[in-house]
Amino acid sequence: MITTRLVQGAAAGLVDVQVIGTLQDTFRGQDRGRALGLCAVTAGVATALGSPLGGALVAGLGLQLG
């Protein structure tokens, strides 16, 4: 489980760099700022809501690990 989480984290780090690079290549000027800001807001909201929503989903479905 620990190894899998390490691989998952490394892959997420690689994807994040690719997304930001693509946004910088695709957008120019003020549009680039908006695109990067939207990307940052989306990541922040996902980080803040991911665990509580995941926990509610697991609790609501009665799922258990192990």
N, C-alpha and C. Protein backbone atom coordinates (compact mmCIF):
# COMPACT_ATOMS: atom_id res chain seq x y z
N MET A 1 0.83 -1.18 0.00
CA MET A 1 0.00 0.00 0.00
C MET A 1 0.88 1.26 0.00
N ILE A 2 1.93 1.27 0.80
CA ILE A 2 2.81 2.43 0.86
C ILE A 2 3.51 2.65 -0.48
N THR A 3 3.99 1.58 -1.08
CA THR A 3 4.67 1.69 -2.37
C THR A 3 3.71 2.22 -3.43
N THR A 4 2.49 1.73 -3.42
CA THR A 4 1.49 2.18 -4.38
C THR A 4 1.21 3.66 -4.22
N ARG A 5 1.11 4.13 -3.00
CA ARG A 5 0.86 5.55 -2.75
C ARG A 5 2.05 6.40 -3.19
N LEU A 6 3.27 5.90 -3.01
CA LEU A 6 4.45 6.63 -3.47
C LEU A 6 4.44 6.76 -4.99
N VAL A 7 4.12 5.69 -5.68
CA VAL A 7 4.04 5.73 -7.14
C VAL A 7 2.93 6.68 -7.59
N GLN A 8 1.80 6.63 -6.91
CA GLN A 8 0.69 7.51 -7.24
C GLN A 8 1.09 8.99 -7.07
N GLY A 9 1.78 9.29 -5.99
CA GLY A 9 2.22 10.67 -5.74
C GLY A 9 3.23 11.14 -6.78
N ALA A 10 4.16 10.27 -7.15
CA ALA A 10 5.15 10.62 -8.17
C ALA A 10 4.47 10.87 -9.51
N ALA A 11 3.53 10.03 -9.87
CA ALA A 11 2.81 10.21 -11.13
C ALA A 11 2.00 11.50 -11.12
N ALA A 12 1.38 11.81 -10.01
CA ALA A 12 0.60 13.06 -9.91
C ALA A 12 1.51 14.27 -10.06
N GLY A 13 2.70 14.20 -9.50
CA GLY A 13 3.66 15.29 -9.65
C GLY A 13 4.08 15.49 -11.10
N LEU A 14 4.25 14.42 -11.83
CA LEU A 14 4.61 14.51 -13.24
C LEU A 14 3.46 15.08 -14.08
N VAL A 15 2.24 14.67 -13.78
CA VAL A 15 1.09 15.17 -14.52
C VAL A 15 0.90 16.66 -14.26
N ASP A 16 1.08 17.10 -13.03
CA ASP A 16 0.91 18.51 -12.69
C ASP A 16 1.85 19.39 -13.50
N VAL A 17 3.08 18.98 -13.63
CA VAL A 17 4.05 19.74 -14.41
C VAL A 17 3.62 19.82 -15.88
N GLN A 18 3.11 18.73 -16.40
CA GLN A 18 2.66 18.72 -17.80
C GLN A 18 1.47 19.65 -18.02
N VAL A 19 0.55 19.67 -17.07
CA VAL A 19 -0.63 20.53 -17.20
C VAL A 19 -0.21 22.00 -17.20
N ILE A 20 0.65 22.38 -16.29
CA ILE A 20 1.09 23.78 -16.23
C ILE A 20 1.86 24.16 -17.49
N GLY A 21 2.71 23.27 -17.98
CA GLY A 21 3.44 23.53 -19.21
C GLY A 21 2.51 23.70 -20.40
N THR A 22 1.49 22.86 -20.47
CA THR A 22 0.52 22.97 -21.56
C THR A 22 -0.25 24.28 -21.48
N LEU A 23 -0.63 24.69 -20.27
CA LEU A 23 -1.34 25.97 -20.12
C LEU A 23 -0.45 27.13 -20.54
N GLN A 24 0.82 27.08 -20.20
CA GLN A 24 1.73 28.17 -20.58
C GLN A 24 1.96 28.21 -22.09
N ASP A 25 1.98 27.06 -22.73
CA ASP A 25 2.16 27.04 -24.18
C ASP A 25 0.89 27.44 -24.93
N THR A 26 -0.26 27.17 -24.34
CA THR A 26 -1.53 27.40 -25.02
C THR A 26 -2.02 28.83 -24.89
N PHE A 27 -1.85 29.43 -23.73
CA PHE A 27 -2.40 30.75 -23.46
C PHE A 27 -1.31 31.81 -23.42
N ARG A 28 -1.67 33.04 -23.76
CA ARG A 28 -0.76 34.18 -23.74
C ARG A 28 -1.37 35.33 -22.96
N GLY A 29 -0.52 36.16 -22.41
CA GLY A 29 -0.96 37.39 -21.75
C GLY A 29 -1.90 37.15 -20.58
N GLN A 30 -2.97 37.94 -20.55
CA GLN A 30 -3.92 37.88 -19.44
C GLN A 30 -4.66 36.54 -19.42
N ASP A 31 -4.87 35.94 -20.58
CA ASP A 31 -5.53 34.63 -20.62
C ASP A 31 -4.70 33.56 -19.91
N ARG A 32 -3.37 33.68 -20.01
CA ARG A 32 -2.49 32.73 -19.32
C ARG A 32 -2.67 32.84 -17.81
N GLY A 33 -2.75 34.06 -17.30
CA GLY A 33 -2.96 34.27 -15.87
C GLY A 33 -4.28 33.68 -15.41
N ARG A 34 -5.33 33.87 -16.21
CA ARG A 34 -6.63 33.31 -15.86
C ARG A 34 -6.59 31.78 -15.85
N ALA A 35 -5.95 31.21 -16.87
CA ALA A 35 -5.88 29.75 -16.96
C ALA A 35 -5.10 29.16 -15.79
N LEU A 36 -3.97 29.75 -15.46
CA LEU A 36 -3.18 29.25 -14.33
C LEU A 36 -3.91 29.47 -13.01
N GLY A 37 -4.62 30.58 -12.88
CA GLY A 37 -5.40 30.83 -11.68
C GLY A 37 -6.52 29.82 -11.52
N LEU A 38 -7.21 29.51 -12.61
CA LEU A 38 -8.27 28.52 -12.57
C LEU A 38 -7.72 27.14 -12.21
N CYS A 39 -6.55 26.82 -12.74
CA CYS A 39 -5.91 25.55 -12.41
C CYS A 39 -5.58 25.49 -10.92
N ALA A 40 -5.05 26.58 -10.38
CA ALA A 40 -4.71 26.62 -8.95
C ALA A 40 -5.95 26.53 -8.07
N VAL A 41 -7.01 27.25 -8.43
CA VAL A 41 -8.25 27.20 -7.66
C VAL A 41 -8.84 25.80 -7.68
N THR A 42 -8.83 25.17 -8.85
CA THR A 42 -9.36 23.82 -8.98
C THR A 42 -8.59 22.84 -8.10
N ALA A 43 -7.27 22.97 -8.11
CA ALA A 43 -6.43 22.09 -7.27
C ALA A 43 -6.71 22.33 -5.79
N GLY A 44 -6.87 23.59 -5.41
CA GLY A 44 -7.14 23.91 -4.01
C GLY A 44 -8.49 23.38 -3.54
N VAL A 45 -9.51 23.55 -4.37
CA VAL A 45 -10.84 23.06 -4.00
C VAL A 45 -10.84 21.54 -3.94
N ALA A 46 -10.17 20.89 -4.90
CA ALA A 46 -10.10 19.43 -4.89
C ALA A 46 -9.39 18.92 -3.64
N THR A 47 -8.33 19.61 -3.24
CA THR A 47 -7.60 19.22 -2.03
C THR A 47 -8.46 19.40 -0.78
N ALA A 48 -9.18 20.51 -0.72
CA ALA A 48 -10.00 20.80 0.45
C ALA A 48 -11.22 19.89 0.56
N LEU A 49 -11.83 19.55 -0.57
CA LEU A 49 -13.07 18.79 -0.53
C LEU A 49 -12.91 17.30 -0.77
N GLY A 50 -11.77 16.89 -1.30
CA GLY A 50 -11.57 15.48 -1.66
C GLY A 50 -11.72 14.52 -0.50
N SER A 51 -11.03 14.79 0.58
CA SER A 51 -11.09 13.88 1.73
C SER A 51 -12.46 13.84 2.40
N PRO A 52 -13.07 15.01 2.69
CA PRO A 52 -14.40 14.94 3.30
C PRO A 52 -15.44 14.27 2.41
N LEU A 53 -15.43 14.58 1.12
CA LEU A 53 -16.40 13.95 0.22
C LEU A 53 -16.14 12.45 0.07
N GLY A 54 -14.87 12.09 0.00
CA GLY A 54 -14.53 10.67 -0.08
C GLY A 54 -14.95 9.93 1.17
N GLY A 55 -14.73 10.54 2.33
CA GLY A 55 -15.14 9.93 3.58
C GLY A 55 -16.65 9.78 3.68
N ALA A 56 -17.37 10.82 3.24
CA ALA A 56 -18.83 10.74 3.26
C ALA A 56 -19.33 9.66 2.30
N LEU A 57 -18.69 9.54 1.15
CA LEU A 57 -19.07 8.51 0.19
C LEU A 57 -18.85 7.11 0.75
N VAL A 58 -17.69 6.91 1.35
CA VAL A 58 -17.38 5.60 1.92
C VAL A 58 -18.34 5.29 3.09
N ALA A 59 -18.58 6.28 3.94
CA ALA A 59 -19.48 6.07 5.08
C ALA A 59 -20.91 5.83 4.60
N GLY A 60 -21.31 6.58 3.58
CA GLY A 60 -22.67 6.45 3.07
C GLY A 60 -22.93 5.10 2.40
N LEU A 61 -21.91 4.55 1.75
CA LEU A 61 -22.05 3.27 1.08
C LEU A 61 -21.72 2.09 2.01
N GLY A 62 -21.22 2.40 3.19
CA GLY A 62 -20.89 1.36 4.14
C GLY A 62 -19.67 0.53 3.73
N LEU A 63 -18.75 1.15 3.00
CA LEU A 63 -17.55 0.43 2.57
C LEU A 63 -16.51 0.41 3.68
N GLN A 64 -15.77 -0.68 3.76
CA GLN A 64 -14.69 -0.79 4.74
C GLN A 64 -13.46 -1.34 4.07
N LEU A 65 -12.30 -0.87 4.50
CA LEU A 65 -11.03 -1.42 3.99
C LEU A 65 -10.63 -2.60 4.84
N GLY A 66 -10.20 -3.63 4.16
CA GLY A 66 -9.65 -4.80 4.86
C GLY A 66 -10.64 -5.68 5.41
